[in-house]
C-alpha atoms as a PDB file:
ATOM      1  CA  MET A   1       0.000   0.000   0.000  1.00  0.00           C
ATOM      2  CA  THR A   2       1.506   3.295  -1.118  1.00  0.00           C
ATOM      3  CA  ASN A   3       2.050   5.702   1.750  1.00  0.00           C
ATOM      4  CA  SER A   4      -0.088   3.319   3.876  1.00  0.00           C
ATOM      5  CA  THR A   5      -3.092   3.957   1.645  1.00  0.00           C
ATOM      6  CA  PRO A   6      -5.777   1.311   1.133  1.00  0.00           C
ATOM      7  CA  LEU A   7      -6.455   2.693  -2.351  1.00  0.00           C
ATOM      8  CA  ASP A   8      -5.623   0.616  -5.418  1.00  0.00           C
ATOM      9  CA  LEU A   9      -3.731   3.301  -7.312  1.00  0.00           C
ATOM     10  CA  HIS A  10      -3.178   1.053 -10.317  1.00  0.00           C
ATOM     11  CA  ALA A  11      -6.915   0.514 -10.700  1.00  0.00           C
ATOM     12  CA  ILE A  12      -7.644   4.222 -10.245  1.00  0.00           C
ATOM     13  CA  THR A  13      -5.087   5.357 -12.807  1.00  0.00           C
ATOM     14  CA  ALA A  14      -6.240   2.669 -15.240  1.00  0.00           C
ATOM     15  CA  LYS A  15      -9.809   3.939 -14.880  1.00  0.00           C
ATOM     16  CA  GLY A  16      -8.654   7.524 -15.444  1.00  0.00           C
ATOM     17  CA  TRP A  17     -10.727   9.050 -12.667  1.00  0.00           C
ATOM     18  CA  ALA A  18     -10.843   9.072  -8.863  1.00  0.00           C
ATOM     19  CA  ASP A  19     -14.335   8.374  -7.571  1.00  0.00           C
ATOM     20  CA  PRO A  20     -14.590   9.783  -4.036  1.00  0.00           C
ATOM     21  CA  ASP A  21     -17.421   7.330  -3.291  1.00  0.00           C
ATOM     22  CA  GLY A  22     -14.859   4.545  -3.625  1.00  0.00           C
ATOM     23  CA  PHE A  23     -12.657   5.937  -0.857  1.00  0.00           C
ATOM     24  CA  PRO A  24     -12.899   4.410   2.620  1.00  0.00           C
ATOM     25  CA  ALA A  25     -14.186   7.041   5.046  1.00  0.00           C
ATOM     26  CA  GLU A  26     -10.911   7.348   6.948  1.00  0.00           C
ATOM     27  CA  GLU A  27      -8.925   7.668   3.732  1.00  0.00           C
ATOM     28  CA  PHE A  28     -11.220  10.390   2.434  1.00  0.00           C
ATOM     29  CA  GLN A  29     -10.730  12.255   5.726  1.00  0.00           C
ATOM     30  CA  ARG A  30      -6.969  12.103   5.158  1.00  0.00           C
ATOM     31  CA  ALA A  31      -7.458  13.305   1.597  1.00  0.00           C
ATOM     32  CA  THR A  32      -9.653  16.187   2.758  1.00  0.00           C
ATOM     33  CA  ALA A  33      -7.142  17.293   5.382  1.00  0.00           C
ATOM     34  CA  PHE A  34      -4.402  17.249   2.765  1.00  0.00           C
ATOM     35  CA  TYR A  35      -6.510  19.198   0.276  1.00  0.00           C
ATOM     36  CA  GLU A  36      -7.327  21.836   2.870  1.00  0.00           C
ATOM     37  CA  SER A  37      -3.630  22.186   3.667  1.00  0.00           C
ATOM     38  CA  MET A  38      -2.993  22.948  -0.013  1.00  0.00           C
ATOM     39  CA  ARG A  39      -5.419  25.856   0.170  1.00  0.00           C
ATOM     40  CA  ALA A  40      -3.048  27.591   2.598  1.00  0.00           C
ATOM     41  CA  HIS A  41      -0.882  28.356  -0.442  1.00  0.00           C
ATOM     42  CA  ASP A  42      -3.720  30.095  -2.302  1.00  0.00           C
ATOM     43  CA  PRO A  43      -3.165  33.701  -1.134  1.00  0.00           C
ATOM     44  CA  GLY A  44       0.487  33.744  -2.185  1.00  0.00           C
ATOM     45  CA  LEU A  45      -0.170  32.079  -5.525  1.00  0.00           C
ATOM     46  CA  LEU A  46      -3.114  34.376  -6.225  1.00  0.00           C
ATOM     47  CA  LYS A  47      -0.901  37.401  -5.675  1.00  0.00           C
ATOM     48  CA  ILE A  48       1.806  36.039  -7.970  1.00  0.00           C
ATOM     49  CA  ARG A  49      -0.763  35.054 -10.594  1.00  0.00           C
ATOM     50  CA  ALA A  50      -2.217  38.563 -10.606  1.00  0.00           C
ATOM     51  CA  GLU A  51       1.238  40.059 -11.059  1.00  0.00           C
ATOM     52  CA  ALA A  52       2.108  37.613 -13.832  1.00  0.00           C
ATOM     53  CA  SER A  53      -1.205  38.196 -15.597  1.00  0.00           C
ATOM     54  CA  ALA A  54      -0.666  41.955 -15.552  1.00  0.00           C
ATOM     55  CA  LEU A  55       2.787  41.545 -17.100  1.00  0.00           C
ATOM     56  CA  ILE A  56       1.532  39.192 -19.806  1.00  0.00           C
ATOM     57  CA  GLN A  57      -1.280  41.586 -20.689  1.00  0.00           C
ATOM     58  CA  GLN A  58       1.207  44.463 -20.815  1.00  0.00           C
ATOM     59  CA  TRP A  59       3.562  42.524 -23.095  1.00  0.00           C
ATOM     60  CA  THR A  60       1.001  40.921 -25.420  1.00  0.00           C
ATOM     61  CA  GLY A  61      -2.201  42.923 -25.142  1.00  0.00           C
ATOM     62  CA  ARG A  62      -4.024  39.695 -24.262  1.00  0.00           C
ATOM     63  CA  THR A  63      -5.686  38.737 -20.974  1.00  0.00           C
ATOM     64  CA  PRO A  64      -4.426  35.329 -19.799  1.00  0.00           C
ATOM     65  CA  ARG A  65      -6.411  32.501 -18.232  1.00  0.00           C
ATOM     66  CA  ASP A  66      -5.063  30.079 -15.659  1.00  0.00           C
ATOM     67  CA  VAL A  67      -5.006  26.770 -17.549  1.00  0.00           C
ATOM     68  CA  GLY A  68      -3.078  24.804 -14.934  1.00  0.00           C
ATOM     69  CA  SER A  69      -3.708  22.882 -11.743  1.00  0.00           C
ATOM     70  CA  PHE A  70      -3.959  26.010  -9.625  1.00  0.00           C
ATOM     71  CA  GLY A  71      -6.753  27.310 -11.834  1.00  0.00           C
ATOM     72  CA  THR A  72      -8.659  24.050 -11.471  1.00  0.00           C
ATOM     73  CA  ARG A  73      -7.846  23.859  -7.723  1.00  0.00           C
ATOM     74  CA  LEU A  74      -5.988  20.578  -8.126  1.00  0.00           C
ATOM     75  CA  ASN A  75      -2.522  21.844  -7.267  1.00  0.00           C
ATOM     76  CA  LEU A  76       0.079  20.528  -4.872  1.00  0.00           C
ATOM     77  CA  GLU A  77       2.195  22.738  -2.646  1.00  0.00           C
ATOM     78  CA  THR A  78       5.047  22.921  -5.161  1.00  0.00           C
ATOM     79  CA  SER A  79       2.810  24.068  -7.990  1.00  0.00           C
ATOM     80  CA  ASP A  80       4.043  26.441 -10.647  1.00  0.00           C
ATOM     81  CA  LEU A  81       1.544  28.519 -12.593  1.00  0.00           C
ATOM     82  CA  ASP A  82       0.369  27.766 -16.121  1.00  0.00           C
ATOM     83  CA  LEU A  83      -1.303  30.639 -17.945  1.00  0.00           C
ATOM     84  CA  GLY A  84      -2.697  30.671 -21.450  1.00  0.00           C
ATOM     85  CA  ILE A  85      -3.550  33.316 -24.020  1.00  0.00           C
ATOM     86  CA  GLY A  86      -5.092  33.287 -27.458  1.00  0.00           C
ATOM     87  CA  PHE A  87      -2.964  34.847 -30.185  1.00  0.00           C
ATOM     88  CA  PRO A  88      -3.164  34.984 -33.993  1.00  0.00           C
ATOM     89  CA  VAL A  89      -0.909  32.404 -35.612  1.00  0.00           C
ATOM     90  CA  ASP A  90       0.209  34.857 -38.292  1.00  0.00           C
ATOM     91  CA  GLN A  91       1.505  37.222 -35.598  1.00  0.00           C
ATOM     92  CA  ARG A  92       3.632  34.736 -33.688  1.00  0.00           C
ATOM     93  CA  ASN A  93       6.875  36.399 -34.767  1.00  0.00           C
ATOM     94  CA  GLN A  94       5.738  39.582 -33.051  1.00  0.00           C
ATOM     95  CA  LEU A  95       4.793  37.553 -29.993  1.00  0.00           C
ATOM     96  CA  MET A  96       8.250  35.971 -29.879  1.00  0.00           C
ATOM     97  CA  GLY A  97       9.731  39.440 -29.962  1.00  0.00           C
ATOM     98  CA  ALA A  98       7.436  40.700 -27.215  1.00  0.00           C
ATOM     99  CA  PHE A  99       8.534  37.954 -24.821  1.00  0.00           C
ATOM    100  CA  ALA A 100      12.195  38.181 -25.820  1.00  0.00           C
ATOM    101  CA  ASP A 101      12.344  41.956 -25.354  1.00  0.00           C
ATOM    102  CA  ALA A 102      14.741  42.790 -22.515  1.00  0.00           C
ATOM    103  CA  GLY A 103      14.842  39.111 -21.552  1.00  0.00           C
ATOM    104  CA  ARG A 104      11.263  39.105 -20.289  1.00  0.00           C
ATOM    105  CA  ALA A 105      10.776  35.356 -20.758  1.00  0.00           C
ATOM    106  CA  ARG A 106      12.582  32.379 -22.232  1.00  0.00           C
ATOM    107  CA  PHE A 107      11.140  30.377 -25.105  1.00  0.00           C
ATOM    108  CA  LEU A 108      10.485  26.718 -24.211  1.00  0.00           C
ATOM    109  CA  GLY A 109       9.350  25.568 -27.624  1.00  0.00           C
ATOM    110  CA  GLU A 110       6.394  24.851 -29.878  1.00  0.00           C
ATOM    111  CA  ARG A 111       4.092  21.980 -28.934  1.00  0.00           C
ATOM    112  CA  TYR A 112       1.060  20.357 -30.498  1.00  0.00           C
ATOM    113  CA  THR A 113      -2.226  21.288 -28.849  1.00  0.00           C
ATOM    114  CA  SER A 114      -4.447  19.239 -31.148  1.00  0.00           C
ATOM    115  CA  PHE A 115      -3.755  17.089 -34.161  1.00  0.00           C
ATOM    116  CA  SER A 116      -3.645  20.171 -36.370  1.00  0.00           C
ATOM    117  CA  THR A 117      -2.657  23.108 -34.141  1.00  0.00           C
ATOM    118  CA  THR A 118       0.304  24.108 -32.008  1.00  0.00           C
ATOM    119  CA  ARG A 119       1.052  26.513 -29.185  1.00  0.00           C
ATOM    120  CA  LEU A 120       4.171  28.473 -28.276  1.00  0.00           C
ATOM    121  CA  VAL A 121       5.358  28.178 -24.699  1.00  0.00           C
ATOM    122  CA  PHE A 122       7.374  30.686 -22.686  1.00  0.00           C
ATOM    123  CA  ALA A 123       8.487  30.869 -19.062  1.00  0.00           C
ATOM    124  CA  PHE A 124       9.576  33.426 -16.507  1.00  0.00           C
ATOM    125  CA  GLU A 125       9.736  33.617 -12.720  1.00  0.00           C
ATOM    126  CA  ILE A 126       8.182  35.740 -10.012  1.00  0.00           C
ATOM    127  CA  ALA A 127       9.252  35.281  -6.403  1.00  0.00           C
ATOM    128  CA  GLY A 128      10.713  31.868  -7.173  1.00  0.00           C
ATOM    129  CA  VAL A 129       7.543  30.576  -8.841  1.00  0.00           C
ATOM    130  CA  GLU A 130       7.830  29.579 -12.482  1.00  0.00           C
ATOM    131  CA  ILE A 131       5.175  30.974 -14.778  1.00  0.00           C
ATOM    132  CA  ASP A 132       4.614  28.971 -17.956  1.00  0.00           C
ATOM    133  CA  VAL A 133       2.726  30.817 -20.678  1.00  0.00           C
ATOM    134  CA  SER A 134       1.067  28.970 -23.544  1.00  0.00           C
ATOM    135  CA  ALA A 135       0.117  31.019 -26.585  1.00  0.00           C
ATOM    136  CA  LEU A 136      -2.660  29.020 -28.233  1.00  0.00           C
ATOM    137  CA  THR A 137      -4.486  29.770 -31.427  1.00  0.00           C
ATOM    138  CA  GLU A 138      -7.454  32.020 -30.766  1.00  0.00           C
ATOM    139  CA  GLU A 139      -9.831  29.159 -31.567  1.00  0.00           C
ATOM    140  CA  ASP A 140      -8.033  26.762 -29.219  1.00  0.00           C
ATOM    141  CA  PHE A 141      -8.021  29.357 -26.461  1.00  0.00           C
ATOM    142  CA  THR A 142     -11.792  29.694 -26.791  1.00  0.00           C
ATOM    143  CA  VAL A 143     -12.159  25.917 -26.495  1.00  0.00           C
ATOM    144  CA  ALA A 144      -9.801  25.852 -23.502  1.00  0.00           C
ATOM    145  CA  CYS A 145     -11.790  28.552 -21.703  1.00  0.00           C
ATOM    146  CA  ARG A 146     -15.011  26.650 -22.358  1.00  0.00           C
ATOM    147  CA  MET A 147     -13.388  23.505 -20.942  1.00  0.00           C
ATOM    148  CA  LEU A 148     -12.197  25.347 -17.834  1.00  0.00           C
ATOM    149  CA  ASP A 149     -15.657  26.824 -17.304  1.00  0.00           C
ATOM    150  CA  GLN A 150     -17.090  23.310 -17.536  1.00  0.00           C
ATOM    151  CA  ILE A 151     -14.587  21.968 -14.988  1.00  0.00           C
ATOM    152  CA  ASP A 152     -15.467  24.845 -12.653  1.00  0.00           C
ATOM    153  CA  ALA A 153     -19.158  24.056 -12.958  1.00  0.00           C
ATOM    154  CA  GLU A 154     -19.158  20.261 -13.027  1.00  0.00           C
ATOM    155  CA  MET A 155     -16.202  18.921 -11.042  1.00  0.00           C
ATOM    156  CA  SER A 156     -17.356  18.570  -7.452  1.00  0.00           C
ATOM    157  CA  LEU A 157     -15.294  19.383  -4.385  1.00  0.00           C
ATOM    158  CA  PRO A 158     -15.121  15.691  -3.367  1.00  0.00           C
ATOM    159  CA  GLU A 159     -13.819  14.865  -6.861  1.00  0.00           C
ATOM    160  CA  ARG A 160     -11.157  17.572  -6.556  1.00  0.00           C
ATOM    161  CA  ILE A 161     -10.141  16.215  -3.165  1.00  0.00           C
ATOM    162  CA  ALA A 162      -9.914  12.650  -4.478  1.00  0.00           C
ATOM    163  CA  HIS A 163      -7.988  13.668  -7.591  1.00  0.00           C
ATOM    164  CA  THR A 164      -5.474  15.755  -5.636  1.00  0.00           C
ATOM    165  CA  TRP A 165      -4.915  13.002  -3.066  1.00  0.00           C
ATOM    166  CA  VAL A 166      -4.187  10.427  -5.772  1.00  0.00           C
ATOM    167  CA  LYS A 167      -1.774  12.855  -7.402  1.00  0.00           C
ATOM    168  CA  HIS A 168      -0.021  13.347  -4.060  1.00  0.00           C
ATOM    169  CA  LEU A 169       0.208   9.592  -3.445  1.00  0.00           C
ATOM    170  CA  LEU A 170       1.664   8.929  -6.891  1.00  0.00           C
ATOM    171  CA  ARG A 171       4.276  11.632  -6.438  1.00  0.00           C
ATOM    172  CA  GLU A 172       5.209  10.431  -2.951  1.00  0.00           C
ATOM    173  CA  ALA A 173       5.582   6.877  -4.269  1.00  0.00           C
ATOM    174  CA  GLY A 174       7.902   8.036  -7.038  1.00  0.00           C
ATOM    175  CA  ARG A 175       5.547   6.686  -9.702  1.00  0.00           C
ATOM    176  CA  LEU A 176       6.433   9.597 -11.948  1.00  0.00           C
ATOM    177  CA  GLU A 177       5.118   8.274 -15.262  1.00  0.00           C
ATOM    178  CA  GLU A 178       1.726   7.572 -13.725  1.00  0.00           C
ATOM    179  CA  TYR A 179       1.922  10.908 -11.916  1.00  0.00           C
ATOM    180  CA  ALA A 180       2.603  12.800 -15.152  1.00  0.00           C
ATOM    181  CA  ALA A 181      -0.306  11.034 -16.854  1.00  0.00           C
ATOM    182  CA  TRP A 182      -2.588  11.644 -13.861  1.00  0.00           C
ATOM    183  CA  LYS A 183      -2.067  15.402 -14.076  1.00  0.00           C
ATOM    184  CA  LEU A 184      -3.782  15.300 -17.472  1.00  0.00           C
ATOM    185  CA  VAL A 185      -6.845  13.169 -16.749  1.00  0.00           C
ATOM    186  CA  THR A 186      -9.116  16.104 -15.902  1.00  0.00           C
ATOM    187  CA  TYR A 187      -8.307  17.829 -19.186  1.00  0.00           C
ATOM    188  CA  ALA A 188      -8.778  14.567 -21.093  1.00  0.00           C
ATOM    189  CA  ARG A 189     -12.173  14.049 -19.458  1.00  0.00           C
ATOM    190  CA  TYR A 190     -13.506  17.491 -20.330  1.00  0.00           C
ATOM    191  CA  CYS A 191     -11.565  18.253 -23.514  1.00  0.00           C
ATOM    192  CA  PRO A 192     -10.358  15.019 -25.161  1.00  0.00           C
ATOM    193  CA  GLU A 193      -9.534  16.729 -28.457  1.00  0.00           C
ATOM    194  CA  PHE A 194      -6.559  18.549 -26.917  1.00  0.00           C
ATOM    195  CA  ASN A 195      -3.106  17.115 -26.279  1.00  0.00           C
ATOM    196  CA  TRP A 196      -2.384  18.547 -22.829  1.00  0.00           C
ATOM    197  CA  VAL A 197       1.276  17.613 -22.458  1.00  0.00           C
ATOM    198  CA  PRO A 198       2.927  19.450 -19.526  1.00  0.00           C
ATOM    199  CA  ILE A 199       5.542  21.966 -20.664  1.00  0.00           C
ATOM    200  CA  PRO A 200       8.107  21.425 -19.394  1.00  0.00           C
ATOM    201  CA  GLU A 201       7.570  18.223 -17.418  1.00  0.00           C
ATOM    202  CA  LYS A 202       7.484  19.295 -13.768  1.00  0.00           C
ATOM    203  CA  ALA A 203       7.242  17.045 -10.767  1.00  0.00           C
ATOM    204  CA  GLY A 204       5.325  19.441  -8.580  1.00  0.00           C
ATOM    205  CA  SER A 205       2.644  21.144 -10.612  1.00  0.00           C
END
């Protein structure tokens, strides 16, 4: 049993979802206590996110959306921030210049978002927290925002608690491949057409 948990993590990851009704009562209490401890990091991350969002809007003229685990309230204590913007594909050269100006952010690369579209990814730091910025096509950004709105509306608090606890257990057990895949199951459930590969791969987000 990983970290003395009675949960069958292999079965949960194979299913691709953590059903809180399947948790023993004592285990769900542990999961809830852990989840509540993660919320202690919210004020600091909210402040950093606001500062990062203001900078991104200043540099690009676009208002970002939190597309990462903090935005979906599924983050661990070591979470970085993942922000997304929509930007015209034919203006990506200008965008590259805007982020490169005065060393504002480093370019991490171009990644596929769907089978036919890509996004550019940049990173910078504020107060020791890495900010990853994905510049999606405007159409993909619209889809992403719709997905995030759906997660906000439909994913229950018990489901968030269960998901976060499983993520914590996988990380603590060093099951990093399963952990990396688990970070994506919420996106896959609500937006299966997107290829939500973490950029870069981070153990704590």
